[in-house]
Amino acid sequence: MSRKRRSYEAGHKAKFLVIIDDTTECDRAVYFASRRAARVGVSVVMLRIIETHDHGQQWLGVADIMRAEAHDEANAMLAKFAARSNGIAGITPECVIREGEAAEEILKLIEEDEDISVLVLAAGVDTEGPGPLVSHLGSTAGSFPIPVAIVPGHLTDDELDAMS
């Protein structure tokens, strides 16, 4: 059972959650969430998920190095998109790094932070479909704990400005 959202209660502030990944459409989700958050007076949380892989004990040293490199890369991506959000709408987002399977970590964060009120994703524009995360969440939307906003990845800044 999902925790009650408390976004609009005293002492709380609604948050839009944006997943930061390596897709080109990620920028569209950041742009829309930032503009919309500034307009309605809410915060933005940016989540970067590091996919974990099973490493044998004999490779522990290598795994530690790979993990440190993944965290450095995650911090760099979050800093890049946080600067983008600030430049778009004067938003200073909260940045979160998680390790694990993407859908599971998204749900865990939503469960832990009762102020997250909307998940903002962007759909891919290539012929292979909207992307694995959008496809997965689309198939479970009926049981998802918060609304999911899916931004078409082909929309321009001007088009998103008109909607956000």
N, C-alpha and C. Protein backbone atom coordinates (compact mmCIF):
# COMPACT_ATOMS: atom_id res chain seq x y z
N MET A 1 0.85 -1.18 0.00
CA MET A 1 0.00 0.00 0.00
C MET A 1 0.89 1.24 0.00
N SER A 2 0.60 2.15 -0.85
CA SER A 2 1.38 3.37 -0.96
C SER A 2 1.02 4.36 0.14
N ARG A 3 2.02 5.08 0.59
CA ARG A 3 1.79 6.12 1.59
C ARG A 3 0.95 7.24 1.01
N LYS A 4 0.19 7.87 1.88
CA LYS A 4 -0.62 9.01 1.48
C LYS A 4 0.30 10.15 1.06
N ARG A 5 -0.04 10.80 -0.02
CA ARG A 5 0.69 11.97 -0.48
C ARG A 5 0.34 13.12 0.45
N ARG A 6 1.35 13.86 0.87
CA ARG A 6 1.14 14.98 1.79
C ARG A 6 1.58 16.30 1.18
N SER A 7 1.73 16.32 -0.12
CA SER A 7 2.30 17.44 -0.85
C SER A 7 1.73 18.81 -0.50
N TYR A 8 0.45 18.87 -0.23
CA TYR A 8 -0.18 20.17 -0.04
C TYR A 8 -0.61 20.41 1.41
N GLU A 9 -0.11 19.60 2.32
CA GLU A 9 -0.38 19.83 3.74
C GLU A 9 0.64 20.83 4.28
N ALA A 10 0.31 21.42 5.43
CA ALA A 10 1.21 22.38 6.07
C ALA A 10 2.58 21.73 6.30
N GLY A 11 3.64 22.45 5.97
CA GLY A 11 4.99 21.95 6.16
C GLY A 11 5.50 21.08 5.03
N HIS A 12 4.71 20.92 3.99
CA HIS A 12 5.09 20.09 2.84
C HIS A 12 5.02 20.92 1.56
N LYS A 13 5.71 20.46 0.53
CA LYS A 13 5.67 21.13 -0.77
C LYS A 13 5.71 20.05 -1.85
N ALA A 14 4.80 20.14 -2.78
CA ALA A 14 4.73 19.17 -3.86
C ALA A 14 6.03 19.14 -4.66
N LYS A 15 6.33 17.95 -5.19
CA LYS A 15 7.54 17.76 -5.99
C LYS A 15 7.20 16.99 -7.25
N PHE A 16 7.83 17.39 -8.35
CA PHE A 16 7.78 16.63 -9.59
C PHE A 16 9.05 15.79 -9.65
N LEU A 17 8.92 14.51 -9.93
CA LEU A 17 10.06 13.60 -10.03
C LEU A 17 10.40 13.39 -11.50
N VAL A 18 11.66 13.62 -11.86
CA VAL A 18 12.15 13.42 -13.22
C VAL A 18 13.29 12.41 -13.16
N ILE A 19 13.24 11.43 -14.05
CA ILE A 19 14.29 10.42 -14.12
C ILE A 19 15.36 10.90 -15.10
N ILE A 20 16.59 10.95 -14.62
CA ILE A 20 17.71 11.39 -15.45
C ILE A 20 18.40 10.14 -16.00
N ASP A 21 18.36 10.00 -17.32
CA ASP A 21 19.00 8.86 -17.95
C ASP A 21 19.79 9.32 -19.16
N ASP A 22 20.24 8.38 -19.97
CA ASP A 22 21.10 8.70 -21.10
C ASP A 22 20.33 8.93 -22.40
N THR A 23 19.02 8.97 -22.34
CA THR A 23 18.24 9.15 -23.56
C THR A 23 18.23 10.62 -23.98
N THR A 24 18.04 10.84 -25.26
CA THR A 24 17.98 12.21 -25.76
C THR A 24 16.72 12.91 -25.29
N GLU A 25 15.63 12.15 -25.09
CA GLU A 25 14.37 12.77 -24.67
C GLU A 25 14.35 13.16 -23.19
N CYS A 26 15.33 12.76 -22.43
CA CYS A 26 15.40 13.14 -21.01
C CYS A 26 15.34 14.65 -20.86
N ASP A 27 15.97 15.37 -21.74
CA ASP A 27 15.95 16.83 -21.69
C ASP A 27 14.53 17.38 -21.80
N ARG A 28 13.68 16.72 -22.57
CA ARG A 28 12.29 17.17 -22.72
C ARG A 28 11.53 17.05 -21.40
N ALA A 29 11.77 15.97 -20.67
CA ALA A 29 11.13 15.79 -19.36
C ALA A 29 11.64 16.84 -18.38
N VAL A 30 12.94 17.10 -18.39
CA VAL A 30 13.52 18.11 -17.50
C VAL A 30 12.95 19.49 -17.84
N TYR A 31 12.89 19.80 -19.12
CA TYR A 31 12.37 21.10 -19.55
C TYR A 31 10.93 21.29 -19.08
N PHE A 32 10.07 20.31 -19.39
CA PHE A 32 8.66 20.42 -19.02
C PHE A 32 8.51 20.50 -17.50
N ALA A 33 9.15 19.61 -16.76
CA ALA A 33 9.02 19.59 -15.30
C ALA A 33 9.49 20.91 -14.69
N SER A 34 10.58 21.44 -15.19
CA SER A 34 11.13 22.69 -14.65
C SER A 34 10.19 23.86 -14.91
N ARG A 35 9.72 23.99 -16.14
CA ARG A 35 8.81 25.09 -16.48
C ARG A 35 7.50 24.97 -15.71
N ARG A 36 6.96 23.77 -15.64
CA ARG A 36 5.68 23.56 -14.96
C ARG A 36 5.84 23.78 -13.45
N ALA A 37 6.94 23.30 -12.89
CA ALA A 37 7.19 23.47 -11.46
C ALA A 37 7.29 24.95 -11.09
N ALA A 38 7.99 25.72 -11.92
CA ALA A 38 8.11 27.16 -11.65
C ALA A 38 6.74 27.83 -11.74
N ARG A 39 5.94 27.43 -12.70
CA ARG A 39 4.63 28.04 -12.89
C ARG A 39 3.68 27.76 -11.73
N VAL A 40 3.69 26.53 -11.21
CA VAL A 40 2.73 26.17 -10.16
C VAL A 40 3.33 26.19 -8.76
N GLY A 41 4.62 26.53 -8.64
CA GLY A 41 5.24 26.70 -7.34
C GLY A 41 5.56 25.42 -6.60
N VAL A 42 6.06 24.43 -7.34
CA VAL A 42 6.46 23.18 -6.69
C VAL A 42 7.96 22.96 -6.92
N SER A 43 8.50 21.92 -6.31
CA SER A 43 9.92 21.59 -6.44
C SER A 43 10.12 20.49 -7.47
N VAL A 44 11.37 20.27 -7.82
CA VAL A 44 11.74 19.20 -8.74
C VAL A 44 12.76 18.29 -8.05
N VAL A 45 12.55 16.99 -8.19
CA VAL A 45 13.51 15.99 -7.73
C VAL A 45 14.02 15.28 -8.97
N MET A 46 15.34 15.22 -9.12
CA MET A 46 15.95 14.50 -10.24
C MET A 46 16.58 13.23 -9.70
N LEU A 47 16.22 12.11 -10.30
CA LEU A 47 16.70 10.80 -9.88
C LEU A 47 17.54 10.16 -10.96
N ARG A 48 18.74 9.78 -10.60
CA ARG A 48 19.62 9.03 -11.49
C ARG A 48 19.79 7.65 -10.87
N ILE A 49 19.50 6.63 -11.64
CA ILE A 49 19.59 5.25 -11.15
C ILE A 49 20.78 4.57 -11.79
N ILE A 50 21.61 4.00 -10.93
CA ILE A 50 22.75 3.22 -11.38
C ILE A 50 22.31 1.76 -11.36
N GLU A 51 22.26 1.17 -12.53
CA GLU A 51 21.89 -0.25 -12.62
C GLU A 51 23.02 -1.08 -12.00
N THR A 52 22.66 -1.92 -11.06
CA THR A 52 23.67 -2.76 -10.40
C THR A 52 23.78 -4.09 -11.13
N HIS A 53 24.97 -4.62 -11.12
CA HIS A 53 25.24 -5.90 -11.76
C HIS A 53 25.88 -6.81 -10.74
N ASP A 54 25.64 -8.09 -10.88
CA ASP A 54 26.19 -9.06 -9.95
C ASP A 54 27.67 -9.25 -10.24
N HIS A 55 28.50 -8.96 -9.26
CA HIS A 55 29.94 -9.12 -9.39
C HIS A 55 30.41 -10.17 -8.39
N GLY A 56 31.25 -11.08 -8.84
CA GLY A 56 31.78 -12.10 -7.95
C GLY A 56 32.75 -11.50 -6.94
N GLN A 57 32.91 -12.17 -5.81
CA GLN A 57 33.80 -11.69 -4.76
C GLN A 57 35.23 -11.47 -5.27
N GLN A 58 35.69 -12.35 -6.18
CA GLN A 58 37.06 -12.20 -6.67
C GLN A 58 37.25 -10.91 -7.44
N TRP A 59 36.17 -10.28 -7.88
CA TRP A 59 36.26 -9.05 -8.63
C TRP A 59 35.83 -7.84 -7.81
N LEU A 60 35.84 -8.00 -6.48
CA LEU A 60 35.35 -6.95 -5.60
C LEU A 60 36.07 -5.62 -5.82
N GLY A 61 37.38 -5.64 -5.99
CA GLY A 61 38.13 -4.41 -6.22
C GLY A 61 37.71 -3.72 -7.50
N VAL A 62 37.53 -4.50 -8.55
CA VAL A 62 37.09 -3.95 -9.83
C VAL A 62 35.67 -3.40 -9.69
N ALA A 63 34.81 -4.13 -8.99
CA ALA A 63 33.43 -3.69 -8.79
C ALA A 63 33.39 -2.36 -8.03
N ASP A 64 34.26 -2.22 -7.04
CA ASP A 64 34.31 -0.96 -6.28
C ASP A 64 34.72 0.20 -7.17
N ILE A 65 35.69 -0.04 -8.04
CA ILE A 65 36.14 1.00 -8.97
C ILE A 65 35.01 1.36 -9.93
N MET A 66 34.33 0.33 -10.46
CA MET A 66 33.23 0.57 -11.39
C MET A 66 32.09 1.33 -10.70
N ARG A 67 31.83 1.00 -9.46
CA ARG A 67 30.77 1.67 -8.71
C ARG A 67 31.13 3.15 -8.48
N ALA A 68 32.38 3.41 -8.11
CA ALA A 68 32.83 4.79 -7.90
C ALA A 68 32.73 5.59 -9.20
N GLU A 69 33.12 4.97 -10.31
CA GLU A 69 33.01 5.64 -11.61
C GLU A 69 31.56 5.92 -11.98
N ALA A 70 30.68 4.97 -11.68
CA ALA A 70 29.25 5.15 -11.96
C ALA A 70 28.67 6.29 -11.13
N HIS A 71 29.10 6.41 -9.88
CA HIS A 71 28.63 7.51 -9.03
C HIS A 71 29.16 8.85 -9.53
N ASP A 72 30.41 8.88 -9.98
CA ASP A 72 30.96 10.12 -10.54
C ASP A 72 30.18 10.54 -11.78
N GLU A 73 29.88 9.57 -12.64
CA GLU A 73 29.12 9.86 -13.86
C GLU A 73 27.71 10.31 -13.50
N ALA A 74 27.09 9.68 -12.51
CA ALA A 74 25.73 10.05 -12.08
C ALA A 74 25.72 11.48 -11.53
N ASN A 75 26.70 11.81 -10.72
CA ASN A 75 26.79 13.18 -10.18
C ASN A 75 26.98 14.20 -11.30
N ALA A 76 27.78 13.85 -12.31
CA ALA A 76 28.00 14.76 -13.44
C ALA A 76 26.71 14.96 -14.23
N MET A 77 25.97 13.89 -14.48
CA MET A 77 24.70 14.00 -15.21
C MET A 77 23.69 14.83 -14.42
N LEU A 78 23.61 14.58 -13.13
CA LEU A 78 22.68 15.34 -12.29
C LEU A 78 23.06 16.82 -12.27
N ALA A 79 24.35 17.11 -12.18
CA ALA A 79 24.80 18.50 -12.18
C ALA A 79 24.45 19.18 -13.51
N LYS A 80 24.63 18.47 -14.60
CA LYS A 80 24.31 19.01 -15.93
C LYS A 80 22.82 19.36 -16.03
N PHE A 81 21.96 18.43 -15.62
CA PHE A 81 20.53 18.68 -15.74
C PHE A 81 20.01 19.64 -14.67
N ALA A 82 20.66 19.67 -13.51
CA ALA A 82 20.28 20.66 -12.49
C ALA A 82 20.58 22.07 -13.00
N ALA A 83 21.72 22.23 -13.66
CA ALA A 83 22.06 23.52 -14.26
C ALA A 83 21.08 23.88 -15.36
N ARG A 84 20.68 22.89 -16.13
CA ARG A 84 19.68 23.11 -17.19
C ARG A 84 18.36 23.58 -16.59
N SER A 85 17.92 22.91 -15.54
CA SER A 85 16.67 23.27 -14.86
C SER A 85 16.74 24.69 -14.31
N ASN A 86 17.88 25.02 -13.73
CA ASN A 86 18.06 26.37 -13.18
C ASN A 86 18.02 27.41 -14.29
N GLY A 87 18.66 27.09 -15.41
CA GLY A 87 18.67 28.02 -16.54
C GLY A 87 17.31 28.17 -17.18
N ILE A 88 16.52 27.12 -17.21
CA ILE A 88 15.19 27.15 -17.83
C ILE A 88 14.22 27.96 -16.99
N ALA A 89 14.22 27.68 -15.67
CA ALA A 89 13.13 28.22 -14.85
C ALA A 89 13.56 28.68 -13.46
N GLY A 90 14.86 28.80 -13.22
CA GLY A 90 15.31 29.22 -11.90
C GLY A 90 15.07 28.19 -10.81
N ILE A 91 14.92 26.95 -11.20
CA ILE A 91 14.67 25.85 -10.27
C ILE A 91 16.00 25.26 -9.82
N THR A 92 16.15 25.03 -8.52
CA THR A 92 17.30 24.30 -8.00
C THR A 92 16.77 22.94 -7.52
N PRO A 93 16.91 21.91 -8.34
CA PRO A 93 16.31 20.63 -8.00
C PRO A 93 17.08 19.88 -6.91
N GLU A 94 16.36 19.01 -6.25
CA GLU A 94 16.97 18.04 -5.33
C GLU A 94 17.49 16.91 -6.21
N CYS A 95 18.71 16.46 -5.97
CA CYS A 95 19.30 15.40 -6.79
C CYS A 95 19.49 14.15 -5.95
N VAL A 96 19.08 13.01 -6.51
CA VAL A 96 19.12 11.73 -5.79
C VAL A 96 19.76 10.69 -6.69
N ILE A 97 20.65 9.88 -6.11
CA ILE A 97 21.25 8.75 -6.81
C ILE A 97 20.81 7.49 -6.09
N ARG A 98 20.35 6.51 -6.85
CA ARG A 98 19.97 5.21 -6.31
C ARG A 98 20.65 4.13 -7.12
N GLU A 99 20.85 2.99 -6.49
CA GLU A 99 21.41 1.82 -7.18
C GLU A 99 20.38 0.72 -7.18
N GLY A 100 20.20 0.08 -8.33
CA GLY A 100 19.27 -1.03 -8.42
C GLY A 100 18.53 -1.03 -9.75
N GLU A 101 17.40 -1.73 -9.75
CA GLU A 101 16.56 -1.82 -10.93
C GLU A 101 15.69 -0.57 -11.00
N ALA A 102 15.58 0.03 -12.19
CA ALA A 102 14.97 1.35 -12.34
C ALA A 102 13.55 1.43 -11.77
N ALA A 103 12.65 0.60 -12.23
CA ALA A 103 11.25 0.70 -11.79
C ALA A 103 11.14 0.51 -10.28
N GLU A 104 11.90 -0.40 -9.74
CA GLU A 104 11.88 -0.66 -8.30
C GLU A 104 12.38 0.55 -7.50
N GLU A 105 13.45 1.17 -7.96
CA GLU A 105 14.01 2.32 -7.25
C GLU A 105 13.10 3.55 -7.35
N ILE A 106 12.43 3.71 -8.47
CA ILE A 106 11.47 4.81 -8.62
C ILE A 106 10.36 4.65 -7.59
N LEU A 107 9.81 3.45 -7.52
CA LEU A 107 8.73 3.19 -6.56
C LEU A 107 9.19 3.37 -5.12
N LYS A 108 10.40 2.94 -4.81
CA LYS A 108 10.93 3.11 -3.45
C LYS A 108 11.03 4.59 -3.09
N LEU A 109 11.55 5.40 -4.00
CA LEU A 109 11.69 6.83 -3.73
C LEU A 109 10.33 7.48 -3.54
N ILE A 110 9.37 7.13 -4.38
CA ILE A 110 8.02 7.68 -4.24
C ILE A 110 7.43 7.29 -2.89
N GLU A 111 7.65 6.07 -2.48
CA GLU A 111 7.14 5.60 -1.19
C GLU A 111 7.80 6.35 -0.03
N GLU A 112 9.09 6.63 -0.14
CA GLU A 112 9.83 7.29 0.94
C GLU A 112 9.54 8.79 1.02
N ASP A 113 9.28 9.43 -0.11
CA ASP A 113 9.08 10.88 -0.14
C ASP A 113 7.62 11.18 -0.43
N GLU A 114 6.85 11.43 0.61
CA GLU A 114 5.41 11.62 0.47
C GLU A 114 5.04 12.95 -0.19
N ASP A 115 6.02 13.76 -0.54
CA ASP A 115 5.76 15.02 -1.24
C ASP A 115 5.85 14.89 -2.76
N ILE A 116 6.36 13.77 -3.25
CA ILE A 116 6.41 13.55 -4.70
C ILE A 116 4.99 13.32 -5.17
N SER A 117 4.53 14.20 -6.07
CA SER A 117 3.13 14.13 -6.48
C SER A 117 2.93 13.75 -7.95
N VAL A 118 3.97 13.90 -8.78
CA VAL A 118 3.86 13.55 -10.20
C VAL A 118 5.22 13.05 -10.69
N LEU A 119 5.20 11.98 -11.46
CA LEU A 119 6.39 11.48 -12.15
C LEU A 119 6.33 12.01 -13.57
N VAL A 120 7.39 12.70 -14.01
CA VAL A 120 7.45 13.25 -15.36
C VAL A 120 8.48 12.46 -16.16
N LEU A 121 8.02 11.87 -17.26
CA LEU A 121 8.88 11.12 -18.17
C LEU A 121 8.71 11.70 -19.57
N ALA A 122 9.65 11.40 -20.45
CA ALA A 122 9.51 11.78 -21.85
C ALA A 122 9.57 10.52 -22.70
N ALA A 123 8.70 10.46 -23.69
CA ALA A 123 8.64 9.31 -24.59
C ALA A 123 9.68 9.47 -25.69
N GLY A 124 10.31 8.36 -26.05
CA GLY A 124 11.28 8.36 -27.13
C GLY A 124 10.60 8.62 -28.47
N VAL A 125 11.38 9.07 -29.43
CA VAL A 125 10.83 9.41 -30.73
C VAL A 125 11.24 8.43 -31.83
N ASP A 126 12.08 7.45 -31.50
CA ASP A 126 12.50 6.52 -32.54
C ASP A 126 11.43 5.45 -32.77
N THR A 127 11.62 4.67 -33.78
CA THR A 127 10.62 3.68 -34.20
C THR A 127 10.51 2.50 -33.25
N GLU A 128 11.39 2.39 -32.29
CA GLU A 128 11.38 1.25 -31.36
C GLU A 128 10.38 1.44 -30.22
N GLY A 129 9.64 2.52 -30.24
CA GLY A 129 8.64 2.74 -29.20
C GLY A 129 9.05 3.85 -28.25
N PRO A 130 8.24 4.03 -27.19
CA PRO A 130 8.45 5.17 -26.30
C PRO A 130 9.61 5.02 -25.33
N GLY A 131 10.23 3.86 -25.28
CA GLY A 131 11.33 3.62 -24.36
C GLY A 131 10.91 2.61 -23.31
N PRO A 132 11.87 1.91 -22.74
CA PRO A 132 11.53 0.83 -21.80
C PRO A 132 10.84 1.30 -20.53
N LEU A 133 11.25 2.42 -19.99
CA LEU A 133 10.65 2.89 -18.75
C LEU A 133 9.20 3.35 -18.98
N VAL A 134 8.96 4.10 -20.04
CA VAL A 134 7.60 4.54 -20.36
C VAL A 134 6.73 3.32 -20.66
N SER A 135 7.26 2.35 -21.39
CA SER A 135 6.49 1.14 -21.70
C SER A 135 6.14 0.38 -20.44
N HIS A 136 7.11 0.21 -19.56
CA HIS A 136 6.86 -0.53 -18.32
C HIS A 136 5.84 0.19 -17.45
N LEU A 137 6.02 1.48 -17.25
CA LEU A 137 5.10 2.23 -16.40
C LEU A 137 3.72 2.35 -17.04
N GLY A 138 3.69 2.41 -18.37
CA GLY A 138 2.39 2.44 -19.05
C GLY A 138 1.59 1.18 -18.81
N SER A 139 2.29 0.06 -18.72
CA SER A 139 1.59 -1.21 -18.49
C SER A 139 1.12 -1.37 -17.05
N THR A 140 1.68 -0.59 -16.12
CA THR A 140 1.29 -0.68 -14.71
C THR A 140 0.62 0.60 -14.21
N ALA A 141 0.24 1.47 -15.13
CA ALA A 141 -0.31 2.79 -14.75
C ALA A 141 -1.53 2.68 -13.85
N GLY A 142 -2.33 1.66 -14.04
CA GLY A 142 -3.54 1.51 -13.24
C GLY A 142 -3.28 1.30 -11.76
N SER A 143 -2.10 0.82 -11.43
CA SER A 143 -1.77 0.58 -10.02
C SER A 143 -0.64 1.48 -9.52
N PHE A 144 -0.22 2.43 -10.35
CA PHE A 144 0.88 3.31 -9.96
C PHE A 144 0.41 4.28 -8.87
N PRO A 145 1.26 4.60 -7.89
CA PRO A 145 0.80 5.38 -6.73
C PRO A 145 0.59 6.89 -6.96
N ILE A 146 1.11 7.42 -8.07
CA ILE A 146 0.95 8.85 -8.37
C ILE A 146 0.70 9.01 -9.86
N PRO A 147 0.21 10.19 -10.29
CA PRO A 147 0.05 10.43 -11.72
C PRO A 147 1.40 10.43 -12.44
N VAL A 148 1.37 9.99 -13.69
CA VAL A 148 2.56 9.98 -14.53
C VAL A 148 2.29 10.88 -15.73
N ALA A 149 3.13 11.89 -15.91
CA ALA A 149 3.04 12.78 -17.07
C ALA A 149 4.08 12.32 -18.09
N ILE A 150 3.63 11.99 -19.28
CA ILE A 150 4.55 11.55 -20.34
C ILE A 150 4.60 12.65 -21.40
N VAL A 151 5.77 13.24 -21.53
CA VAL A 151 6.01 14.34 -22.46
C VAL A 151 6.47 13.76 -23.80
N PRO A 152 5.80 14.08 -24.90
CA PRO A 152 6.27 13.61 -26.20
C PRO A 152 7.68 14.15 -26.47
N GLY A 153 8.58 13.26 -26.81
CA GLY A 153 9.98 13.62 -26.97
C GLY A 153 10.27 14.54 -28.14
N HIS A 154 9.34 14.70 -29.06
CA HIS A 154 9.59 15.54 -30.24
C HIS A 154 9.20 17.01 -30.03
N LEU A 155 8.59 17.35 -28.91
CA LEU A 155 8.14 18.73 -28.71
C LEU A 155 9.31 19.69 -28.51
N THR A 156 9.18 20.87 -29.08
CA THR A 156 10.22 21.89 -28.97
C THR A 156 10.06 22.68 -27.67
N ASP A 157 11.04 23.48 -27.35
CA ASP A 157 10.95 24.35 -26.18
C ASP A 157 9.72 25.25 -26.27
N ASP A 158 9.50 25.86 -27.44
CA ASP A 158 8.34 26.74 -27.60
C ASP A 158 7.03 26.00 -27.41
N GLU A 159 6.95 24.78 -27.92
CA GLU A 159 5.72 24.00 -27.74
C GLU A 159 5.52 23.64 -26.28
N LEU A 160 6.60 23.28 -25.60
CA LEU A 160 6.48 22.96 -24.17
C LEU A 160 6.17 24.20 -23.35
N ASP A 161 6.71 25.33 -23.72
CA ASP A 161 6.39 26.58 -23.03
C ASP A 161 4.89 26.86 -23.06
N ALA A 162 4.27 26.57 -24.20
CA ALA A 162 2.84 26.84 -24.36
C ALA A 162 1.99 25.92 -23.47
N MET A 163 2.55 24.79 -23.07
CA MET A 163 1.79 23.80 -22.28
C MET A 163 2.15 23.78 -20.80
N SER A 164 3.23 24.41 -20.47
CA SER A 164 3.69 24.30 -19.08
C SER A 164 3.60 25.63 -18.38
